[in-house]
Structures are given as structure tokens and as C-alpha cells.
Amino acid sequence: MVRTIGIGQLRGDTRNYVERVAAGETFEVLRRGRRIARLQAAHGCHDMLIAVPLNELRTRAARVFDRVAAGETIAVEYHGRTVAALRPCTGDVRAKPSRIPAAARQTPVA
């Protein structure tokens, strides 16, 4: 099951989320209501990922997520080992507000 978290939540409790990812969970990260990244376990191609220490993810989250939004995959390192990967999400999944039909917006004038 994929859970959704905001950037603020990730910054506030970075280590906990990264440990949960290392245990097998996956999170989708939102920025201003838009899904921008998937935080998941790093499998296989560690040498092809751009490494970012856990502390930098916490303190410079906006910069890291700007890189992810640009299409880069980031490896999150903790104590010298890769524990998670931030991969870009495809497509904008922000829920579009439903429109009120024109007939419903008109109020009768008495």
C-alpha cells in the first residue's frame, strides 16, 4: 500500500520515514497538493543514482525535490549506505475542483 505524505511531514520526521521505507513501505510525496516524488526502497542500481545524505534531505528538501521534479532519481544515504530512493512521479494528479453548472449558480430574483 502506498501512503501519501507532504514535504513538511517528510522534513519533520525524515529519519522515521526513511527507516520505514527501508523496511518495505512506499510513500508518495506531495508539494502544494501535487504528487512530485515516490520515496521507496532503492533496488539494484545504486551507482546510477545521485546520492544525497539524509541530513541534506531534511535541511534542503526544496532543492532536492526540485531536482526530482526535473526528472532525476535521488539515492538517500544514511550512515554511508543507500537506504531509499526518491523517484519522480509522472503526471499531475492534483484533484481538479468540480465546476458548478451554470443553471445551479443562478439565484432567482424576487
PDB file of N, CA and C in Angstrom:
ATOM      1  N   MET A   1       0.834  -1.177   0.000  1.00  0.00           N
ATOM      2  CA  MET A   1       0.000   0.000   0.000  1.00  0.00           C
ATOM      3  C   MET A   1       0.886   1.250   0.000  1.00  0.00           C
ATOM      4  N   VAL A   2       0.605   2.162  -0.885  1.00  0.00           N
ATOM      5  CA  VAL A   2       1.357   3.406  -0.985  1.00  0.00           C
ATOM      6  C   VAL A   2       0.644   4.473  -0.167  1.00  0.00           C
ATOM      7  N   ARG A   3       1.381   5.113   0.726  1.00  0.00           N
ATOM      8  CA  ARG A   3       0.817   6.179   1.553  1.00  0.00           C
ATOM      9  C   ARG A   3       1.270   7.521   1.009  1.00  0.00           C
ATOM     10  N   THR A   4       0.487   8.547   1.262  1.00  0.00           N
ATOM     11  CA  THR A   4       0.795   9.890   0.789  1.00  0.00           C
ATOM     12  C   THR A   4       1.181  10.777   1.963  1.00  0.00           C
ATOM     13  N   ILE A   5       2.296  11.507   1.806  1.00  0.00           N
ATOM     14  CA  ILE A   5       2.759  12.435   2.836  1.00  0.00           C
ATOM     15  C   ILE A   5       3.145  13.754   2.171  1.00  0.00           C
ATOM     16  N   GLY A   6       3.140  14.809   2.936  1.00  0.00           N
ATOM     17  CA  GLY A   6       3.568  16.106   2.431  1.00  0.00           C
ATOM     18  C   GLY A   6       5.051  16.320   2.672  1.00  0.00           C
ATOM     19  N   ILE A   7       5.614  17.281   1.966  1.00  0.00           N
ATOM     20  CA  ILE A   7       7.027  17.600   2.149  1.00  0.00           C
ATOM     21  C   ILE A   7       7.307  17.995   3.599  1.00  0.00           C
ATOM     22  N   GLY A   8       6.406  18.739   4.219  1.00  0.00           N
ATOM     23  CA  GLY A   8       6.592  19.155   5.610  1.00  0.00           C
ATOM     24  C   GLY A   8       6.666  17.971   6.553  1.00  0.00           C
ATOM     25  N   GLN A   9       5.826  16.971   6.314  1.00  0.00           N
ATOM     26  CA  GLN A   9       5.868  15.766   7.141  1.00  0.00           C
ATOM     27  C   GLN A   9       7.205  15.057   6.979  1.00  0.00           C
ATOM     28  N   LEU A  10       7.673  14.958   5.745  1.00  0.00           N
ATOM     29  CA  LEU A  10       8.945  14.287   5.486  1.00  0.00           C
ATOM     30  C   LEU A  10      10.104  15.041   6.136  1.00  0.00           C
ATOM     31  N   ARG A  11      10.102  16.355   6.029  1.00  0.00           N
ATOM     32  CA  ARG A  11      11.162  17.151   6.664  1.00  0.00           C
ATOM     33  C   ARG A  11      11.113  17.021   8.179  1.00  0.00           C
ATOM     34  N   GLY A  12       9.926  16.975   8.748  1.00  0.00           N
ATOM     35  CA  GLY A  12       9.780  16.920  10.196  1.00  0.00           C
ATOM     36  C   GLY A  12      10.188  15.603  10.815  1.00  0.00           C
ATOM     37  N   ASP A  13      10.080  14.529  10.070  1.00  0.00           N
ATOM     38  CA  ASP A  13      10.380  13.203  10.616  1.00  0.00           C
ATOM     39  C   ASP A  13      11.101  12.358   9.565  1.00  0.00           C
ATOM     40  N   THR A  14      12.136  12.926   8.976  1.00  0.00           N
ATOM     41  CA  THR A  14      12.834  12.297   7.853  1.00  0.00           C
ATOM     42  C   THR A  14      13.353  10.910   8.189  1.00  0.00           C
ATOM     43  N   ARG A  15      14.047  10.797   9.297  1.00  0.00           N
ATOM     44  CA  ARG A  15      14.666   9.512   9.645  1.00  0.00           C
ATOM     45  C   ARG A  15      13.627   8.411   9.805  1.00  0.00           C
ATOM     46  N   ASN A  16      12.522   8.710  10.455  1.00  0.00           N
ATOM     47  CA  ASN A  16      11.469   7.720  10.645  1.00  0.00           C
ATOM     48  C   ASN A  16      10.924   7.237   9.300  1.00  0.00           C
ATOM     49  N   TYR A  17      10.639   8.169   8.384  1.00  0.00           N
ATOM     50  CA  TYR A  17      10.106   7.772   7.078  1.00  0.00           C
ATOM     51  C   TYR A  17      11.116   6.951   6.286  1.00  0.00           C
ATOM     52  N   VAL A  18      12.390   7.330   6.348  1.00  0.00           N
ATOM     53  CA  VAL A  18      13.413   6.582   5.618  1.00  0.00           C
ATOM     54  C   VAL A  18      13.578   5.190   6.212  1.00  0.00           C
ATOM     55  N   GLU A  19      13.505   5.066   7.524  1.00  0.00           N
ATOM     56  CA  GLU A  19      13.577   3.739   8.145  1.00  0.00           C
ATOM     57  C   GLU A  19      12.382   2.881   7.746  1.00  0.00           C
ATOM     58  N   ARG A  20      11.200   3.488   7.665  1.00  0.00           N
ATOM     59  CA  ARG A  20      10.009   2.745   7.235  1.00  0.00           C
ATOM     60  C   ARG A  20      10.140   2.302   5.782  1.00  0.00           C
ATOM     61  N   VAL A  21      10.752   3.132   4.947  1.00  0.00           N
ATOM     62  CA  VAL A  21      10.985   2.762   3.550  1.00  0.00           C
ATOM     63  C   VAL A  21      11.964   1.602   3.480  1.00  0.00           C
ATOM     64  N   ALA A  22      13.012   1.645   4.285  1.00  0.00           N
ATOM     65  CA  ALA A  22      13.981   0.552   4.311  1.00  0.00           C
ATOM     66  C   ALA A  22      13.324  -0.753   4.741  1.00  0.00           C
ATOM     67  N   ALA A  23      12.250  -0.655   5.535  1.00  0.00           N
ATOM     68  CA  ALA A  23      11.516  -1.840   5.979  1.00  0.00           C
ATOM     69  C   ALA A  23      10.492  -2.308   4.942  1.00  0.00           C
ATOM     70  N   GLY A  24      10.339  -1.560   3.843  1.00  0.00           N
ATOM     71  CA  GLY A  24       9.464  -2.027   2.770  1.00  0.00           C
ATOM     72  C   GLY A  24       8.285  -1.148   2.413  1.00  0.00           C
ATOM     73  N   GLU A  25       8.047  -0.074   3.136  1.00  0.00           N
ATOM     74  CA  GLU A  25       6.922   0.807   2.808  1.00  0.00           C
ATOM     75  C   GLU A  25       7.288   1.741   1.655  1.00  0.00           C
ATOM     76  N   THR A  26       6.270   2.286   1.006  1.00  0.00           N
ATOM     77  CA  THR A  26       6.451   3.253  -0.072  1.00  0.00           C
ATOM     78  C   THR A  26       5.564   4.455   0.204  1.00  0.00           C
ATOM     79  N   PHE A  27       6.103   5.652  -0.055  1.00  0.00           N
ATOM     80  CA  PHE A  27       5.362   6.890   0.167  1.00  0.00           C
ATOM     81  C   PHE A  27       5.390   7.746  -1.086  1.00  0.00           C
ATOM     82  N   GLU A  28       4.271   8.397  -1.359  1.00  0.00           N
ATOM     83  CA  GLU A  28       4.231   9.414  -2.400  1.00  0.00           C
ATOM     84  C   GLU A  28       4.285  10.761  -1.696  1.00  0.00           C
ATOM     85  N   VAL A  29       5.156  11.645  -2.174  1.00  0.00           N
ATOM     86  CA  VAL A  29       5.385  12.932  -1.526  1.00  0.00           C
ATOM     87  C   VAL A  29       4.663  14.024  -2.310  1.00  0.00           C
ATOM     88  N   LEU A  30       3.903  14.839  -1.575  1.00  0.00           N
ATOM     89  CA  LEU A  30       3.148  15.931  -2.182  1.00  0.00           C
ATOM     90  C   LEU A  30       3.827  17.266  -1.923  1.00  0.00           C
ATOM     91  N   ARG A  31       3.757  18.128  -2.914  1.00  0.00           N
ATOM     92  CA  ARG A  31       4.182  19.525  -2.764  1.00  0.00           C
ATOM     93  C   ARG A  31       3.047  20.377  -3.310  1.00  0.00           C
ATOM     94  N   ARG A  32       2.446  21.166  -2.429  1.00  0.00           N
ATOM     95  CA  ARG A  32       1.310  22.015  -2.786  1.00  0.00           C
ATOM     96  C   ARG A  32       0.189  21.218  -3.453  1.00  0.00           C
ATOM     97  N   GLY A  33      -0.072  20.050  -2.916  1.00  0.00           N
ATOM     98  CA  GLY A  33      -1.167  19.227  -3.388  1.00  0.00           C
ATOM     99  C   GLY A  33      -0.869  18.393  -4.616  1.00  0.00           C
ATOM    100  N   ARG A  34       0.337  18.486  -5.147  1.00  0.00           N
ATOM    101  CA  ARG A  34       0.704  17.707  -6.334  1.00  0.00           C
ATOM    102  C   ARG A  34       1.712  16.633  -5.963  1.00  0.00           C
ATOM    103  N   ARG A  35       1.504  15.476  -6.513  1.00  0.00           N
ATOM    104  CA  ARG A  35       2.410  14.359  -6.279  1.00  0.00           C
ATOM    105  C   ARG A  35       3.683  14.614  -7.080  1.00  0.00           C
ATOM    106  N   ILE A  36       4.824  14.731  -6.399  1.00  0.00           N
ATOM    107  CA  ILE A  36       6.064  15.031  -7.112  1.00  0.00           C
ATOM    108  C   ILE A  36       7.105  13.928  -7.033  1.00  0.00           C
ATOM    109  N   ALA A  37       7.013  13.058  -6.033  1.00  0.00           N
ATOM    110  CA  ALA A  37       8.043  12.034  -5.887  1.00  0.00           C
ATOM    111  C   ALA A  37       7.485  10.805  -5.195  1.00  0.00           C
ATOM    112  N   ARG A  38       8.181   9.713  -5.411  1.00  0.00           N
ATOM    113  CA  ARG A  38       7.871   8.457  -4.736  1.00  0.00           C
ATOM    114  C   ARG A  38       9.110   8.077  -3.932  1.00  0.00           C
ATOM    115  N   LEU A  39       8.935   7.936  -2.631  1.00  0.00           N
ATOM    116  CA  LEU A  39      10.016   7.525  -1.738  1.00  0.00           C
ATOM    117  C   LEU A  39       9.864   6.030  -1.523  1.00  0.00           C
ATOM    118  N   GLN A  40      10.853   5.275  -1.999  1.00  0.00           N
ATOM    119  CA  GLN A  40      10.764   3.818  -1.905  1.00  0.00           C
ATOM    120  C   GLN A  40      12.152   3.237  -1.712  1.00  0.00           C
ATOM    121  N   ALA A  41      12.188   1.950  -1.447  1.00  0.00           N
ATOM    122  CA  ALA A  41      13.467   1.283  -1.241  1.00  0.00           C
ATOM    123  C   ALA A  41      14.288   1.350  -2.522  1.00  0.00           C
ATOM    124  N   ALA A  42      15.599   1.527  -2.368  1.00  0.00           N
ATOM    125  CA  ALA A  42      16.498   1.576  -3.525  1.00  0.00           C
ATOM    126  C   ALA A  42      16.887   0.150  -3.877  1.00  0.00           C
ATOM    127  N   HIS A  43      16.551  -0.259  -5.074  1.00  0.00           N
ATOM    128  CA  HIS A  43      16.860  -1.620  -5.517  1.00  0.00           C
ATOM    129  C   HIS A  43      17.867  -1.579  -6.656  1.00  0.00           C
ATOM    130  N   GLY A  44      18.923  -2.360  -6.532  1.00  0.00           N
ATOM    131  CA  GLY A  44      19.812  -2.597  -7.664  1.00  0.00           C
ATOM    132  C   GLY A  44      20.772  -1.508  -8.082  1.00  0.00           C
ATOM    133  N   CYS A  45      20.322  -0.504  -8.786  1.00  0.00           N
ATOM    134  CA  CYS A  45      21.212   0.422  -9.495  1.00  0.00           C
ATOM    135  C   CYS A  45      21.653   1.594  -8.621  1.00  0.00           C
ATOM    136  N   HIS A  46      22.293   1.309  -7.483  1.00  0.00           N
ATOM    137  CA  HIS A  46      22.730   2.369  -6.568  1.00  0.00           C
ATOM    138  C   HIS A  46      23.764   3.290  -7.212  1.00  0.00           C
ATOM    139  N   ASP A  47      24.636   2.735  -8.054  1.00  0.00           N
ATOM    140  CA  ASP A  47      25.695   3.549  -8.640  1.00  0.00           C
ATOM    141  C   ASP A  47      25.168   4.539  -9.675  1.00  0.00           C
ATOM    142  N   MET A  48      23.949   4.340 -10.180  1.00  0.00           N
ATOM    143  CA  MET A  48      23.386   5.228 -11.191  1.00  0.00           C
ATOM    144  C   MET A  48      22.570   6.363 -10.567  1.00  0.00           C
ATOM    145  N   LEU A  49      22.408   6.350  -9.262  1.00  0.00           N
ATOM    146  CA  LEU A  49      21.607   7.361  -8.589  1.00  0.00           C
ATOM    147  C   LEU A  49      22.493   8.483  -8.056  1.00  0.00           C
ATOM    148  N   ILE A  50      21.928   9.670  -7.908  1.00  0.00           N
ATOM    149  CA  ILE A  50      22.625  10.803  -7.315  1.00  0.00           C
ATOM    150  C   ILE A  50      22.441  10.700  -5.804  1.00  0.00           C
ATOM    151  N   ALA A  51      23.545  10.601  -5.075  1.00  0.00           N
ATOM    152  CA  ALA A  51      23.478  10.383  -3.628  1.00  0.00           C
ATOM    153  C   ALA A  51      23.286  11.689  -2.867  1.00  0.00           C
ATOM    154  N   VAL A  52      22.357  11.660  -1.904  1.00  0.00           N
ATOM    155  CA  VAL A  52      22.091  12.795  -1.022  1.00  0.00           C
ATOM    156  C   VAL A  52      22.030  12.252   0.406  1.00  0.00           C
ATOM    157  N   PRO A  53      22.831  12.811   1.321  1.00  0.00           N
ATOM    158  CA  PRO A  53      22.761  12.365   2.714  1.00  0.00           C
ATOM    159  C   PRO A  53      21.403  12.694   3.338  1.00  0.00           C
ATOM    160  N   LEU A  54      21.002  11.898   4.296  1.00  0.00           N
ATOM    161  CA  LEU A  54      19.722  12.083   4.975  1.00  0.00           C
ATOM    162  C   LEU A  54      19.590  13.493   5.549  1.00  0.00           C
ATOM    163  N   ASN A  55      20.658  14.013   6.142  1.00  0.00           N
ATOM    164  CA  ASN A  55      20.617  15.350   6.728  1.00  0.00           C
ATOM    165  C   ASN A  55      20.345  16.424   5.667  1.00  0.00           C
ATOM    166  N   GLU A  56      20.910  16.259   4.479  1.00  0.00           N
ATOM    167  CA  GLU A  56      20.662  17.228   3.402  1.00  0.00           C
ATOM    168  C   GLU A  56      19.216  17.156   2.927  1.00  0.00           C
ATOM    169  N   LEU A  57      18.647  15.966   2.886  1.00  0.00           N
ATOM    170  CA  LEU A  57      17.233  15.837   2.526  1.00  0.00           C
ATOM    171  C   LEU A  57      16.376  16.595   3.532  1.00  0.00           C
ATOM    172  N   ARG A  58      16.727  16.517   4.791  1.00  0.00           N
ATOM    173  CA  ARG A  58      15.971  17.198   5.838  1.00  0.00           C
ATOM    174  C   ARG A  58      16.127  18.714   5.752  1.00  0.00           C
ATOM    175  N   THR A  59      17.353  19.191   5.579  1.00  0.00           N
ATOM    176  CA  THR A  59      17.603  20.633   5.636  1.00  0.00           C
ATOM    177  C   THR A  59      17.402  21.353   4.313  1.00  0.00           C
ATOM    178  N   ARG A  60      17.539  20.646   3.206  1.00  0.00           N
ATOM    179  CA  ARG A  60      17.400  21.272   1.889  1.00  0.00           C
ATOM    180  C   ARG A  60      16.376  20.534   1.037  1.00  0.00           C
ATOM    181  N   ALA A  61      15.257  20.225   1.633  1.00  0.00           N
ATOM    182  CA  ALA A  61      14.230  19.437   0.950  1.00  0.00           C
ATOM    183  C   ALA A  61      13.756  20.092  -0.339  1.00  0.00           C
ATOM    184  N   ALA A  62      13.567  21.392  -0.339  1.00  0.00           N
ATOM    185  CA  ALA A  62      13.066  22.072  -1.539  1.00  0.00           C
ATOM    186  C   ALA A  62      14.017  21.881  -2.712  1.00  0.00           C
ATOM    187  N   ARG A  63      15.310  22.017  -2.473  1.00  0.00           N
ATOM    188  CA  ARG A  63      16.294  21.829  -3.549  1.00  0.00           C
ATOM    189  C   ARG A  63      16.312  20.395  -4.047  1.00  0.00           C
ATOM    190  N   VAL A  64      16.256  19.455  -3.122  1.00  0.00           N
ATOM    191  CA  VAL A  64      16.260  18.043  -3.513  1.00  0.00           C
ATOM    192  C   VAL A  64      15.025  17.726  -4.348  1.00  0.00           C
ATOM    193  N   PHE A  65      13.858  18.208  -3.927  1.00  0.00           N
ATOM    194  CA  PHE A  65      12.634  17.909  -4.666  1.00  0.00           C
ATOM    195  C   PHE A  65      12.542  18.676  -5.979  1.00  0.00           C
ATOM    196  N   ASP A  66      13.231  19.810  -6.087  1.00  0.00           N
ATOM    197  CA  ASP A  66      13.323  20.481  -7.385  1.00  0.00           C
ATOM    198  C   ASP A  66      14.064  19.593  -8.377  1.00  0.00           C
ATOM    199  N   ARG A  67      15.114  18.931  -7.912  1.00  0.00           N
ATOM    200  CA  ARG A  67      15.874  18.018  -8.780  1.00  0.00           C
ATOM    201  C   ARG A  67      15.033  16.808  -9.169  1.00  0.00           C
ATOM    202  N   VAL A  68      14.276  16.290  -8.218  1.00  0.00           N
ATOM    203  CA  VAL A  68      13.406  15.147  -8.517  1.00  0.00           C
ATOM    204  C   VAL A  68      12.333  15.557  -9.521  1.00  0.00           C
ATOM    205  N   ALA A  69      11.748  16.742  -9.329  1.00  0.00           N
ATOM    206  CA  ALA A  69      10.723  17.231 -10.253  1.00  0.00           C
ATOM    207  C   ALA A  69      11.285  17.423 -11.656  1.00  0.00           C
ATOM    208  N   ALA A  70      12.599  17.683 -11.755  1.00  0.00           N
ATOM    209  CA  ALA A  70      13.249  17.840 -13.055  1.00  0.00           C
ATOM    210  C   ALA A  70      13.562  16.491 -13.699  1.00  0.00           C
ATOM    211  N   GLY A  71      13.264  15.392 -13.004  1.00  0.00           N
ATOM    212  CA  GLY A  71      13.431  14.066 -13.591  1.00  0.00           C
ATOM    213  C   GLY A  71      14.578  13.241 -13.043  1.00  0.00           C
ATOM    214  N   GLU A  72      15.315  13.754 -12.076  1.00  0.00           N
ATOM    215  CA  GLU A  72      16.432  12.999 -11.511  1.00  0.00           C
ATOM    216  C   GLU A  72      15.937  12.026 -10.445  1.00  0.00           C
ATOM    217  N   THR A  73      16.655  10.918 -10.300  1.00  0.00           N
ATOM    218  CA  THR A  73      16.379   9.973  -9.226  1.00  0.00           C
ATOM    219  C   THR A  73      17.468  10.148  -8.179  1.00  0.00           C
ATOM    220  N   ILE A  74      17.059  10.310  -6.938  1.00  0.00           N
ATOM    221  CA  ILE A  74      17.975  10.614  -5.837  1.00  0.00           C
ATOM    222  C   ILE A  74      18.059   9.420  -4.894  1.00  0.00           C
ATOM    223  N   ALA A  75      19.292   9.038  -4.532  1.00  0.00           N
ATOM    224  CA  ALA A  75      19.508   7.994  -3.532  1.00  0.00           C
ATOM    225  C   ALA A  75      19.710   8.668  -2.181  1.00  0.00           C
ATOM    226  N   VAL A  76      18.958   8.246  -1.182  1.00  0.00           N
ATOM    227  CA  VAL A  76      19.083   8.792   0.168  1.00  0.00           C
ATOM    228  C   VAL A  76      20.036   7.894   0.949  1.00  0.00           C
ATOM    229  N   GLU A  77      21.099   8.493   1.477  1.00  0.00           N
ATOM    230  CA  GLU A  77      22.099   7.738   2.223  1.00  0.00           C
ATOM    231  C   GLU A  77      22.014   8.051   3.707  1.00  0.00           C
ATOM    232  N   TYR A  78      22.178   7.002   4.507  1.00  0.00           N
ATOM    233  CA  TYR A  78      22.162   7.139   5.958  1.00  0.00           C
ATOM    234  C   TYR A  78      23.300   6.298   6.507  1.00  0.00           C
ATOM    235  N   HIS A  79      24.222   6.915   7.210  1.00  0.00           N
ATOM    236  CA  HIS A  79      25.418   6.251   7.737  1.00  0.00           C
ATOM    237  C   HIS A  79      26.196   5.539   6.634  1.00  0.00           C
ATOM    238  N   GLY A  80      26.319   6.193   5.481  1.00  0.00           N
ATOM    239  CA  GLY A  80      27.143   5.667   4.402  1.00  0.00           C
ATOM    240  C   GLY A  80      26.521   4.595   3.534  1.00  0.00           C
ATOM    241  N   ARG A  81      25.280   4.246   3.768  1.00  0.00           N
ATOM    242  CA  ARG A  81      24.647   3.236   2.902  1.00  0.00           C
ATOM    243  C   ARG A  81      23.342   3.775   2.334  1.00  0.00           C
ATOM    244  N   THR A  82      23.028   3.342   1.131  1.00  0.00           N
ATOM    245  CA  THR A  82      21.813   3.788   0.461  1.00  0.00           C
ATOM    246  C   THR A  82      20.623   3.061   1.063  1.00  0.00           C
ATOM    247  N   VAL A  83      19.673   3.832   1.594  1.00  0.00           N
ATOM    248  CA  VAL A  83      18.521   3.228   2.258  1.00  0.00           C
ATOM    249  C   VAL A  83      17.210   3.486   1.528  1.00  0.00           C
ATOM    250  N   ALA A  84      17.179   4.475   0.643  1.00  0.00           N
ATOM    251  CA  ALA A  84      15.931   4.796  -0.052  1.00  0.00           C
ATOM    252  C   ALA A  84      16.242   5.524  -1.348  1.00  0.00           C
ATOM    253  N   ALA A  85      15.236   5.594  -2.210  1.00  0.00           N
ATOM    254  CA  ALA A  85      15.362   6.328  -3.465  1.00  0.00           C
ATOM    255  C   ALA A  85      14.151   7.229  -3.637  1.00  0.00           C
ATOM    256  N   LEU A  86      14.401   8.429  -4.117  1.00  0.00           N
ATOM    257  CA  LEU A  86      13.333   9.365  -4.473  1.00  0.00           C
ATOM    258  C   LEU A  86      13.249   9.377  -5.986  1.00  0.00           C
ATOM    259  N   ARG A  87      12.121   8.900  -6.497  1.00  0.00           N
ATOM    260  CA  ARG A  87      11.930   8.848  -7.944  1.00  0.00           C
ATOM    261  C   ARG A  87      10.818   9.801  -8.339  1.00  0.00           C
ATOM    262  N   PRO A  88      10.941  10.423  -9.518  1.00  0.00           N
ATOM    263  CA  PRO A  88       9.886  11.353  -9.942  1.00  0.00           C
ATOM    264  C   PRO A  88       8.579  10.630 -10.224  1.00  0.00           C
ATOM    265  N   CYS A  89       7.476  11.286  -9.935  1.00  0.00           N
ATOM    266  CA  CYS A  89       6.151  10.780 -10.281  1.00  0.00           C
ATOM    267  C   CYS A  89       5.781  11.334 -11.644  1.00  0.00           C
ATOM    268  N   THR A  90       5.078  10.551 -12.409  1.00  0.00           N
ATOM    269  CA  THR A  90       4.667  11.014 -13.727  1.00  0.00           C
ATOM    270  C   THR A  90       3.251  11.535 -13.667  1.00  0.00           C
ATOM    271  N   GLY A  91       3.019  12.621 -14.346  1.00  0.00           N
ATOM    272  CA  GLY A  91       1.669  13.173 -14.428  1.00  0.00           C
ATOM    273  C   GLY A  91       1.284  13.973 -13.206  1.00  0.00           C
ATOM    274  N   ASP A  92       0.339  14.849 -13.398  1.00  0.00           N
ATOM    275  CA  ASP A  92      -0.171  15.691 -12.319  1.00  0.00           C
ATOM    276  C   ASP A  92      -1.457  15.068 -11.814  1.00  0.00           C
ATOM    277  N   VAL A  93      -1.495  14.721 -10.556  1.00  0.00           N
ATOM    278  CA  VAL A  93      -2.683  14.070 -10.011  1.00  0.00           C
ATOM    279  C   VAL A  93      -3.449  14.977  -9.068  1.00  0.00           C
ATOM    280  N   ARG A  94      -3.218  16.268  -9.166  1.00  0.00           N
ATOM    281  CA  ARG A  94      -3.975  17.189  -8.318  1.00  0.00           C
ATOM    282  C   ARG A  94      -5.440  17.073  -8.704  1.00  0.00           C
ATOM    283  N   ALA A  95      -6.255  16.915  -7.708  1.00  0.00           N
ATOM    284  CA  ALA A  95      -7.689  16.799  -7.964  1.00  0.00           C
ATOM    285  C   ALA A  95      -8.209  18.137  -8.455  1.00  0.00           C
ATOM    286  N   LYS A  96      -8.845  18.106  -9.582  1.00  0.00           N
ATOM    287  CA  LYS A  96      -9.411  19.332 -10.140  1.00  0.00           C
ATOM    288  C   LYS A  96     -10.755  19.574  -9.472  1.00  0.00           C
ATOM    289  N   PRO A  97     -11.014  20.804  -9.058  1.00  0.00           N
ATOM    290  CA  PRO A  97     -12.304  21.079  -8.431  1.00  0.00           C
ATOM    291  C   PRO A  97     -13.428  20.925  -9.440  1.00  0.00           C
ATOM    292  N   SER A  98     -14.521  20.372  -8.979  1.00  0.00           N
ATOM    293  CA  SER A  98     -15.652  20.200  -9.890  1.00  0.00           C
ATOM    294  C   SER A  98     -16.325  21.547 -10.110  1.00  0.00           C
ATOM    295  N   ARG A  99     -16.799  21.750 -11.307  1.00  0.00           N
ATOM    296  CA  ARG A  99     -17.449  23.015 -11.661  1.00  0.00           C
ATOM    297  C   ARG A  99     -18.930  22.944 -11.331  1.00  0.00           C
ATOM    298  N   ILE A 100     -19.452  24.069 -10.914  1.00  0.00           N
ATOM    299  CA  ILE A 100     -20.887  24.162 -10.643  1.00  0.00           C
ATOM    300  C   ILE A 100     -21.564  24.508 -11.959  1.00  0.00           C
ATOM    301  N   PRO A 101     -22.566  23.744 -12.375  1.00  0.00           N
ATOM    302  CA  PRO A 101     -23.256  24.057 -13.625  1.00  0.00           C
ATOM    303  C   PRO A 101     -23.845  25.466 -13.582  1.00  0.00           C
ATOM    304  N   ALA A 102     -23.890  26.114 -14.730  1.00  0.00           N
ATOM    305  CA  ALA A 102     -24.368  27.498 -14.817  1.00  0.00           C
ATOM    306  C   ALA A 102     -25.781  27.641 -14.266  1.00  0.00           C
ATOM    307  N   ALA A 103     -26.639  26.674 -14.513  1.00  0.00           N
ATOM    308  CA  ALA A 103     -28.023  26.745 -14.041  1.00  0.00           C
ATOM    309  C   ALA A 103     -28.085  26.743 -12.511  1.00  0.00           C
ATOM    310  N   ALA A 104     -27.188  26.041 -11.868  1.00  0.00           N
ATOM    311  CA  ALA A 104     -27.191  25.957 -10.410  1.00  0.00           C
ATOM    312  C   ALA A 104     -26.651  27.234  -9.768  1.00  0.00           C
ATOM    313  N   ARG A 105     -25.836  27.994 -10.500  1.00  0.00           N
ATOM    314  CA  ARG A 105     -25.251  29.221  -9.954  1.00  0.00           C
ATOM    315  C   ARG A 105     -26.237  30.385  -9.946  1.00  0.00           C
ATOM    316  N   GLN A 106     -27.239  30.327 -10.779  1.00  0.00           N
ATOM    317  CA  GLN A 106     -28.182  31.444 -10.872  1.00  0.00           C
ATOM    318  C   GLN A 106     -29.133  31.419  -9.687  1.00  0.00           C
ATOM    319  N   THR A 107     -29.278  32.565  -9.071  1.00  0.00           N
ATOM    320  CA  THR A 107     -30.214  32.669  -7.950  1.00  0.00           C
ATOM    321  C   THR A 107     -31.430  33.456  -8.415  1.00  0.00           C
ATOM    322  N   PRO A 108     -32.608  32.975  -8.096  1.00  0.00           N
ATOM    323  CA  PRO A 108     -33.812  33.683  -8.533  1.00  0.00           C
ATOM    324  C   PRO A 108     -33.922  35.041  -7.849  1.00  0.00           C
ATOM    325  N   VAL A 109     -34.323  36.029  -8.602  1.00  0.00           N
ATOM    326  CA  VAL A 109     -34.502  37.380  -8.077  1.00  0.00           C
ATOM    327  C   VAL A 109     -35.973  37.568  -7.771  1.00  0.00           C
ATOM    328  N   ALA A 110     -36.279  37.957  -6.547  1.00  0.00           N
ATOM    329  CA  ALA A 110     -37.685  38.101  -6.163  1.00  0.00           C
ATOM    330  C   ALA A 110     -38.153  39.518  -6.253  1.00  0.00           C
TER     331      ALA A 110
END
